[in-house]
Amino acid sequence: MTQGPDVSQRSFGELLGEVTQDLSTLVRQEVELAKAEMRQEASKAGKAAGLFGGAGVAGFLVVLFLSFALWWGLANVMDQSWAALIVAALWAIVGGVLFTLARGKAREMRGLPQTAETAKEIPQALKPNRGGVS
């Protein structure tokens, strides 16, 4: 069993100073570690965002070229301008449905008003309960 340094000859101030210095060093090292981890995670998030952006562009191009193919396919059986109008109308319907769904989801959100109501309830919650009567 190894024995640590003999501290019986040192003053309380010296010992407290060492503990404070060690604690300060530990806190600094933990902060640096947290910063390094945050930089690493931010880098990963940036790469993921870039890949999602690329996937979005690729998806857009797929939809664009499928729309052109539908347009040209319809142009084999009707006038080209009518075929383009039909494809545009299909996209207008898709856009309208997506807008309606998005608006419904946006109306379901309860951000600030709910928070304001909760904030009003905090003072009441801090009051002492007198005999179970509210």
N, C-alpha and C. Protein backbone atom coordinates (compact mmCIF):
# COMPACT_ATOMS: atom_id res chain seq x y z
N MET A 1 0.85 -1.16 0.00
CA MET A 1 0.00 0.00 0.00
C MET A 1 0.90 1.23 0.00
N THR A 2 0.69 2.14 -0.96
CA THR A 2 1.51 3.35 -1.04
C THR A 2 0.88 4.43 -0.19
N GLN A 3 1.72 5.20 0.39
CA GLN A 3 1.24 6.28 1.25
C GLN A 3 1.42 7.60 0.52
N GLY A 4 0.44 8.50 0.68
CA GLY A 4 0.50 9.81 0.07
C GLY A 4 1.46 10.70 0.83
N PRO A 5 1.66 11.91 0.37
CA PRO A 5 2.57 12.83 1.05
C PRO A 5 2.06 13.14 2.45
N ASP A 6 2.99 13.37 3.34
CA ASP A 6 2.66 13.68 4.73
C ASP A 6 2.13 15.11 4.81
N VAL A 7 0.86 15.26 5.19
CA VAL A 7 0.24 16.58 5.23
C VAL A 7 0.15 17.12 6.65
N SER A 8 0.68 16.37 7.62
CA SER A 8 0.55 16.80 9.01
C SER A 8 1.39 18.05 9.31
N GLN A 9 2.40 18.34 8.53
CA GLN A 9 3.27 19.48 8.77
C GLN A 9 2.86 20.72 7.98
N ARG A 10 1.76 20.64 7.25
CA ARG A 10 1.36 21.76 6.41
C ARG A 10 0.17 22.47 7.04
N SER A 11 0.08 23.73 6.74
CA SER A 11 -1.00 24.53 7.34
C SER A 11 -2.31 24.28 6.59
N PHE A 12 -3.39 24.62 7.25
CA PHE A 12 -4.71 24.48 6.66
C PHE A 12 -4.83 25.34 5.41
N GLY A 13 -4.26 26.53 5.42
CA GLY A 13 -4.29 27.44 4.27
C GLY A 13 -3.60 26.84 3.06
N GLU A 14 -2.45 26.17 3.30
CA GLU A 14 -1.74 25.54 2.18
C GLU A 14 -2.57 24.41 1.58
N LEU A 15 -3.15 23.60 2.46
CA LEU A 15 -3.96 22.49 1.98
C LEU A 15 -5.19 22.99 1.23
N LEU A 16 -5.84 24.01 1.76
CA LEU A 16 -7.01 24.58 1.11
C LEU A 16 -6.63 25.19 -0.24
N GLY A 17 -5.46 25.82 -0.31
CA GLY A 17 -4.98 26.39 -1.57
C GLY A 17 -4.76 25.32 -2.62
N GLU A 18 -4.18 24.18 -2.22
CA GLU A 18 -3.97 23.08 -3.17
C GLU A 18 -5.29 22.50 -3.66
N VAL A 19 -6.24 22.34 -2.73
CA VAL A 19 -7.54 21.80 -3.12
C VAL A 19 -8.22 22.77 -4.09
N THR A 20 -8.15 24.04 -3.80
CA THR A 20 -8.76 25.05 -4.67
C THR A 20 -8.11 25.04 -6.05
N GLN A 21 -6.78 24.94 -6.08
CA GLN A 21 -6.06 24.91 -7.35
C GLN A 21 -6.43 23.65 -8.14
N ASP A 22 -6.48 22.50 -7.46
CA ASP A 22 -6.84 21.25 -8.13
C ASP A 22 -8.27 21.32 -8.67
N LEU A 23 -9.17 21.88 -7.89
CA LEU A 23 -10.56 22.00 -8.32
C LEU A 23 -10.66 22.94 -9.52
N SER A 24 -9.92 24.03 -9.50
CA SER A 24 -9.92 24.97 -10.61
C SER A 24 -9.39 24.30 -11.88
N THR A 25 -8.32 23.53 -11.75
CA THR A 25 -7.75 22.81 -12.89
C THR A 25 -8.77 21.81 -13.45
N LEU A 26 -9.43 21.10 -12.55
CA LEU A 26 -10.42 20.13 -12.97
C LEU A 26 -11.57 20.79 -13.73
N VAL A 27 -12.05 21.91 -13.23
CA VAL A 27 -13.15 22.63 -13.88
C VAL A 27 -12.71 23.11 -15.26
N ARG A 28 -11.51 23.68 -15.36
CA ARG A 28 -11.00 24.15 -16.66
C ARG A 28 -10.90 23.00 -17.66
N GLN A 29 -10.39 21.86 -17.19
CA GLN A 29 -10.26 20.70 -18.08
C GLN A 29 -11.63 20.19 -18.53
N GLU A 30 -12.60 20.19 -17.64
CA GLU A 30 -13.95 19.76 -18.00
C GLU A 30 -14.57 20.71 -19.02
N VAL A 31 -14.35 22.01 -18.85
CA VAL A 31 -14.88 22.99 -19.80
C VAL A 31 -14.24 22.79 -21.16
N GLU A 32 -12.93 22.57 -21.20
CA GLU A 32 -12.23 22.34 -22.47
C GLU A 32 -12.74 21.06 -23.14
N LEU A 33 -12.96 20.02 -22.35
CA LEU A 33 -13.49 18.77 -22.89
C LEU A 33 -14.89 18.99 -23.48
N ALA A 34 -15.72 19.73 -22.76
CA ALA A 34 -17.07 20.02 -23.26
C ALA A 34 -17.01 20.82 -24.56
N LYS A 35 -16.09 21.79 -24.63
CA LYS A 35 -15.95 22.57 -25.86
C LYS A 35 -15.53 21.68 -27.03
N ALA A 36 -14.58 20.79 -26.78
CA ALA A 36 -14.11 19.88 -27.84
C ALA A 36 -15.24 18.97 -28.31
N GLU A 37 -16.02 18.45 -27.36
CA GLU A 37 -17.14 17.59 -27.73
C GLU A 37 -18.18 18.36 -28.52
N MET A 38 -18.44 19.61 -28.14
CA MET A 38 -19.42 20.42 -28.86
C MET A 38 -18.95 20.70 -30.28
N ARG A 39 -17.65 21.01 -30.44
CA ARG A 39 -17.12 21.24 -31.79
C ARG A 39 -17.27 19.99 -32.65
N GLN A 40 -16.99 18.84 -32.07
CA GLN A 40 -17.09 17.59 -32.81
C GLN A 40 -18.54 17.32 -33.21
N GLU A 41 -19.49 17.52 -32.30
CA GLU A 41 -20.89 17.30 -32.61
C GLU A 41 -21.41 18.32 -33.63
N ALA A 42 -20.95 19.56 -33.53
CA ALA A 42 -21.36 20.58 -34.51
C ALA A 42 -20.85 20.22 -35.90
N SER A 43 -19.65 19.67 -35.96
CA SER A 43 -19.10 19.24 -37.25
C SER A 43 -19.94 18.11 -37.83
N LYS A 44 -20.32 17.15 -37.00
CA LYS A 44 -21.17 16.05 -37.48
C LYS A 44 -22.52 16.58 -37.95
N ALA A 45 -23.09 17.53 -37.20
CA ALA A 45 -24.39 18.09 -37.58
C ALA A 45 -24.29 18.84 -38.90
N GLY A 46 -23.20 19.56 -39.10
CA GLY A 46 -23.00 20.28 -40.36
C GLY A 46 -22.90 19.33 -41.54
N LYS A 47 -22.17 18.24 -41.36
CA LYS A 47 -22.05 17.25 -42.44
C LYS A 47 -23.40 16.62 -42.73
N ALA A 48 -24.16 16.30 -41.69
CA ALA A 48 -25.48 15.71 -41.89
C ALA A 48 -26.41 16.69 -42.61
N ALA A 49 -26.35 17.96 -42.24
CA ALA A 49 -27.19 18.96 -42.90
C ALA A 49 -26.83 19.08 -44.38
N GLY A 50 -25.55 19.04 -44.68
CA GLY A 50 -25.12 19.09 -46.07
C GLY A 50 -25.63 17.90 -46.87
N LEU A 51 -25.57 16.72 -46.25
CA LEU A 51 -26.07 15.52 -46.93
C LEU A 51 -27.59 15.58 -47.13
N PHE A 52 -28.32 16.09 -46.11
CA PHE A 52 -29.76 16.26 -46.27
C PHE A 52 -30.07 17.25 -47.38
N GLY A 53 -29.29 18.32 -47.47
CA GLY A 53 -29.48 19.30 -48.53
C GLY A 53 -29.27 18.66 -49.90
N GLY A 54 -28.21 17.86 -50.03
CA GLY A 54 -27.95 17.16 -51.29
C GLY A 54 -29.08 16.20 -51.64
N ALA A 55 -29.60 15.50 -50.63
CA ALA A 55 -30.72 14.59 -50.88
C ALA A 55 -31.95 15.36 -51.32
N GLY A 56 -32.16 16.55 -50.75
CA GLY A 56 -33.30 17.37 -51.16
C GLY A 56 -33.18 17.83 -52.60
N VAL A 57 -31.99 18.22 -53.01
CA VAL A 57 -31.77 18.64 -54.41
C VAL A 57 -31.99 17.46 -55.34
N ALA A 58 -31.47 16.30 -54.97
CA ALA A 58 -31.64 15.11 -55.80
C ALA A 58 -33.13 14.74 -55.91
N GLY A 59 -33.84 14.82 -54.80
CA GLY A 59 -35.28 14.53 -54.82
C GLY A 59 -36.04 15.51 -55.71
N PHE A 60 -35.66 16.78 -55.63
CA PHE A 60 -36.30 17.80 -56.48
C PHE A 60 -36.07 17.48 -57.96
N LEU A 61 -34.84 17.10 -58.31
CA LEU A 61 -34.54 16.79 -59.71
C LEU A 61 -35.31 15.56 -60.18
N VAL A 62 -35.47 14.57 -59.31
CA VAL A 62 -36.26 13.39 -59.68
C VAL A 62 -37.70 13.80 -59.99
N VAL A 63 -38.28 14.59 -59.12
CA VAL A 63 -39.67 15.04 -59.34
C VAL A 63 -39.76 15.89 -60.60
N LEU A 64 -38.78 16.74 -60.83
CA LEU A 64 -38.78 17.59 -62.03
C LEU A 64 -38.76 16.74 -63.29
N PHE A 65 -37.84 15.78 -63.35
CA PHE A 65 -37.72 14.98 -64.57
C PHE A 65 -38.90 14.01 -64.74
N LEU A 66 -39.48 13.53 -63.63
CA LEU A 66 -40.70 12.73 -63.75
C LEU A 66 -41.85 13.58 -64.28
N SER A 67 -41.89 14.85 -63.88
CA SER A 67 -42.91 15.75 -64.40
C SER A 67 -42.73 15.98 -65.90
N PHE A 68 -41.47 16.16 -66.32
CA PHE A 68 -41.20 16.31 -67.76
C PHE A 68 -41.61 15.05 -68.52
N ALA A 69 -41.30 13.88 -67.96
CA ALA A 69 -41.64 12.62 -68.63
C ALA A 69 -43.16 12.48 -68.75
N LEU A 70 -43.89 12.86 -67.70
CA LEU A 70 -45.35 12.80 -67.76
C LEU A 70 -45.87 13.77 -68.82
N TRP A 71 -45.30 14.96 -68.84
CA TRP A 71 -45.70 15.98 -69.82
C TRP A 71 -45.51 15.44 -71.24
N TRP A 72 -44.31 14.90 -71.50
CA TRP A 72 -44.02 14.41 -72.86
C TRP A 72 -44.86 13.18 -73.18
N GLY A 73 -45.12 12.34 -72.17
CA GLY A 73 -45.97 11.17 -72.41
C GLY A 73 -47.38 11.58 -72.77
N LEU A 74 -47.92 12.56 -72.05
CA LEU A 74 -49.25 13.05 -72.39
C LEU A 74 -49.26 13.76 -73.74
N ALA A 75 -48.13 14.37 -74.12
CA ALA A 75 -48.05 15.08 -75.40
C ALA A 75 -48.17 14.13 -76.58
N ASN A 76 -47.96 12.81 -76.35
CA ASN A 76 -48.14 11.83 -77.44
C ASN A 76 -49.60 11.61 -77.78
N VAL A 77 -50.49 11.92 -76.83
CA VAL A 77 -51.93 11.68 -77.09
C VAL A 77 -52.73 12.97 -77.16
N MET A 78 -52.13 14.11 -76.89
CA MET A 78 -52.83 15.39 -76.96
C MET A 78 -51.83 16.50 -77.28
N ASP A 79 -52.35 17.71 -77.42
CA ASP A 79 -51.49 18.85 -77.70
C ASP A 79 -50.53 19.08 -76.53
N GLN A 80 -49.32 19.50 -76.85
CA GLN A 80 -48.28 19.68 -75.82
C GLN A 80 -48.67 20.70 -74.76
N SER A 81 -49.34 21.77 -75.14
CA SER A 81 -49.72 22.80 -74.17
C SER A 81 -50.76 22.27 -73.19
N TRP A 82 -51.69 21.43 -73.67
CA TRP A 82 -52.66 20.83 -72.76
C TRP A 82 -51.98 19.84 -71.81
N ALA A 83 -51.01 19.11 -72.30
CA ALA A 83 -50.27 18.17 -71.45
C ALA A 83 -49.53 18.93 -70.34
N ALA A 84 -48.91 20.05 -70.70
CA ALA A 84 -48.20 20.87 -69.70
C ALA A 84 -49.18 21.42 -68.68
N LEU A 85 -50.36 21.83 -69.14
CA LEU A 85 -51.37 22.36 -68.24
C LEU A 85 -51.87 21.29 -67.26
N ILE A 86 -52.03 20.06 -67.72
CA ILE A 86 -52.46 18.97 -66.85
C ILE A 86 -51.41 18.69 -65.78
N VAL A 87 -50.13 18.65 -66.16
CA VAL A 87 -49.06 18.41 -65.19
C VAL A 87 -49.02 19.55 -64.17
N ALA A 88 -49.17 20.78 -64.63
CA ALA A 88 -49.18 21.93 -63.71
C ALA A 88 -50.36 21.85 -62.76
N ALA A 89 -51.53 21.44 -63.27
CA ALA A 89 -52.72 21.31 -62.41
C ALA A 89 -52.50 20.23 -61.36
N LEU A 90 -51.86 19.12 -61.73
CA LEU A 90 -51.55 18.07 -60.75
C LEU A 90 -50.67 18.61 -59.64
N TRP A 91 -49.66 19.41 -60.01
CA TRP A 91 -48.77 19.97 -59.00
C TRP A 91 -49.48 21.02 -58.16
N ALA A 92 -50.43 21.73 -58.74
CA ALA A 92 -51.22 22.69 -57.96
C ALA A 92 -52.05 21.96 -56.91
N ILE A 93 -52.61 20.81 -57.28
CA ILE A 93 -53.40 20.02 -56.33
C ILE A 93 -52.50 19.50 -55.20
N VAL A 94 -51.33 18.96 -55.56
CA VAL A 94 -50.39 18.47 -54.55
C VAL A 94 -49.98 19.60 -53.62
N GLY A 95 -49.67 20.76 -54.18
CA GLY A 95 -49.29 21.92 -53.36
C GLY A 95 -50.41 22.36 -52.43
N GLY A 96 -51.64 22.36 -52.93
CA GLY A 96 -52.78 22.76 -52.10
C GLY A 96 -53.01 21.79 -50.94
N VAL A 97 -52.90 20.49 -51.22
CA VAL A 97 -53.07 19.50 -50.16
C VAL A 97 -51.98 19.66 -49.11
N LEU A 98 -50.73 19.81 -49.55
CA LEU A 98 -49.62 19.98 -48.60
C LEU A 98 -49.78 21.25 -47.77
N PHE A 99 -50.24 22.34 -48.42
CA PHE A 99 -50.47 23.58 -47.69
C PHE A 99 -51.55 23.41 -46.63
N THR A 100 -52.63 22.73 -46.99
CA THR A 100 -53.73 22.51 -46.04
C THR A 100 -53.25 21.68 -44.85
N LEU A 101 -52.48 20.63 -45.11
CA LEU A 101 -51.93 19.81 -44.02
C LEU A 101 -50.99 20.61 -43.13
N ALA A 102 -50.14 21.43 -43.75
CA ALA A 102 -49.19 22.24 -42.98
C ALA A 102 -49.91 23.27 -42.12
N ARG A 103 -50.96 23.88 -42.68
CA ARG A 103 -51.72 24.86 -41.91
C ARG A 103 -52.39 24.20 -40.70
N GLY A 104 -52.91 23.00 -40.90
CA GLY A 104 -53.53 22.27 -39.79
C GLY A 104 -52.52 21.95 -38.69
N LYS A 105 -51.32 21.53 -39.09
CA LYS A 105 -50.27 21.24 -38.11
C LYS A 105 -49.83 22.51 -37.39
N ALA A 106 -49.76 23.62 -38.12
CA ALA A 106 -49.34 24.89 -37.51
C ALA A 106 -50.37 25.36 -36.49
N ARG A 107 -51.64 25.10 -36.75
CA ARG A 107 -52.69 25.50 -35.80
C ARG A 107 -52.66 24.65 -34.54
N GLU A 108 -52.12 23.43 -34.63
CA GLU A 108 -52.02 22.56 -33.46
C GLU A 108 -50.93 23.01 -32.49
N MET A 109 -49.99 23.82 -32.97
CA MET A 109 -48.88 24.26 -32.13
C MET A 109 -49.40 25.19 -31.05
N ARG A 110 -48.88 25.01 -29.84
CA ARG A 110 -49.32 25.84 -28.71
C ARG A 110 -48.10 26.37 -27.99
N GLY A 111 -47.32 27.19 -28.62
CA GLY A 111 -46.07 27.66 -28.05
C GLY A 111 -46.23 28.69 -26.95
N LEU A 112 -46.12 29.94 -27.29
CA LEU A 112 -46.08 31.04 -26.32
C LEU A 112 -47.34 31.17 -25.48
N PRO A 113 -48.54 31.07 -26.03
CA PRO A 113 -49.72 31.22 -25.16
C PRO A 113 -49.73 30.22 -24.01
N GLN A 114 -49.36 28.98 -24.26
CA GLN A 114 -49.32 27.99 -23.20
C GLN A 114 -48.27 28.37 -22.16
N THR A 115 -47.11 28.84 -22.62
CA THR A 115 -46.05 29.24 -21.71
C THR A 115 -46.49 30.43 -20.86
N ALA A 116 -47.21 31.38 -21.47
CA ALA A 116 -47.68 32.53 -20.72
C ALA A 116 -48.67 32.11 -19.64
N GLU A 117 -49.55 31.16 -19.97
CA GLU A 117 -50.50 30.66 -18.97
C GLU A 117 -49.78 29.97 -17.82
N THR A 118 -48.78 29.17 -18.15
CA THR A 118 -48.02 28.47 -17.13
C THR A 118 -47.27 29.46 -16.24
N ALA A 119 -46.72 30.51 -16.84
CA ALA A 119 -46.00 31.52 -16.06
C ALA A 119 -46.92 32.24 -15.08
N LYS A 120 -48.18 32.43 -15.47
CA LYS A 120 -49.14 33.06 -14.57
C LYS A 120 -49.46 32.16 -13.38
N GLU A 121 -49.37 30.85 -13.56
CA GLU A 121 -49.69 29.91 -12.49
C GLU A 121 -48.56 29.75 -11.49
N ILE A 122 -47.35 30.15 -11.82
CA ILE A 122 -46.20 29.95 -10.93
C ILE A 122 -46.38 30.65 -9.59
N PRO A 123 -46.75 31.95 -9.54
CA PRO A 123 -46.92 32.58 -8.23
C PRO A 123 -47.94 31.86 -7.35
N GLN A 124 -49.03 31.38 -7.94
CA GLN A 124 -50.05 30.66 -7.17
C GLN A 124 -49.48 29.36 -6.62
N ALA A 125 -48.64 28.70 -7.40
CA ALA A 125 -48.06 27.43 -6.95
C ALA A 125 -47.07 27.64 -5.81
N LEU A 126 -46.48 28.81 -5.70
CA LEU A 126 -45.50 29.07 -4.66
C LEU A 126 -46.13 29.47 -3.32
N LYS A 127 -47.41 29.81 -3.36
CA LYS A 127 -48.09 30.21 -2.12
C LYS A 127 -48.27 28.98 -1.24
N PRO A 128 -48.16 29.15 0.09
CA PRO A 128 -48.34 27.99 0.96
C PRO A 128 -49.79 27.51 0.93
N ASN A 129 -49.93 26.19 1.04
CA ASN A 129 -51.25 25.59 1.05
C ASN A 129 -51.82 25.67 2.45
N ARG A 130 -52.91 26.37 2.63
CA ARG A 130 -53.51 26.59 3.97
C ARG A 130 -54.66 25.63 4.17
N GLY A 131 -54.38 24.57 4.83
CA GLY A 131 -55.44 23.64 5.21
C GLY A 131 -56.08 22.94 4.03
N GLY A 132 -55.39 22.82 2.92
CA GLY A 132 -55.90 22.12 1.76
C GLY A 132 -56.95 22.90 1.00
N VAL A 133 -57.23 24.15 1.36
CA VAL A 133 -58.21 24.95 0.67
C VAL A 133 -57.48 25.82 -0.34
N SER A 134 -57.93 25.80 -1.59
CA SER A 134 -57.26 26.62 -2.59
C SER A 134 -58.07 27.81 -2.97
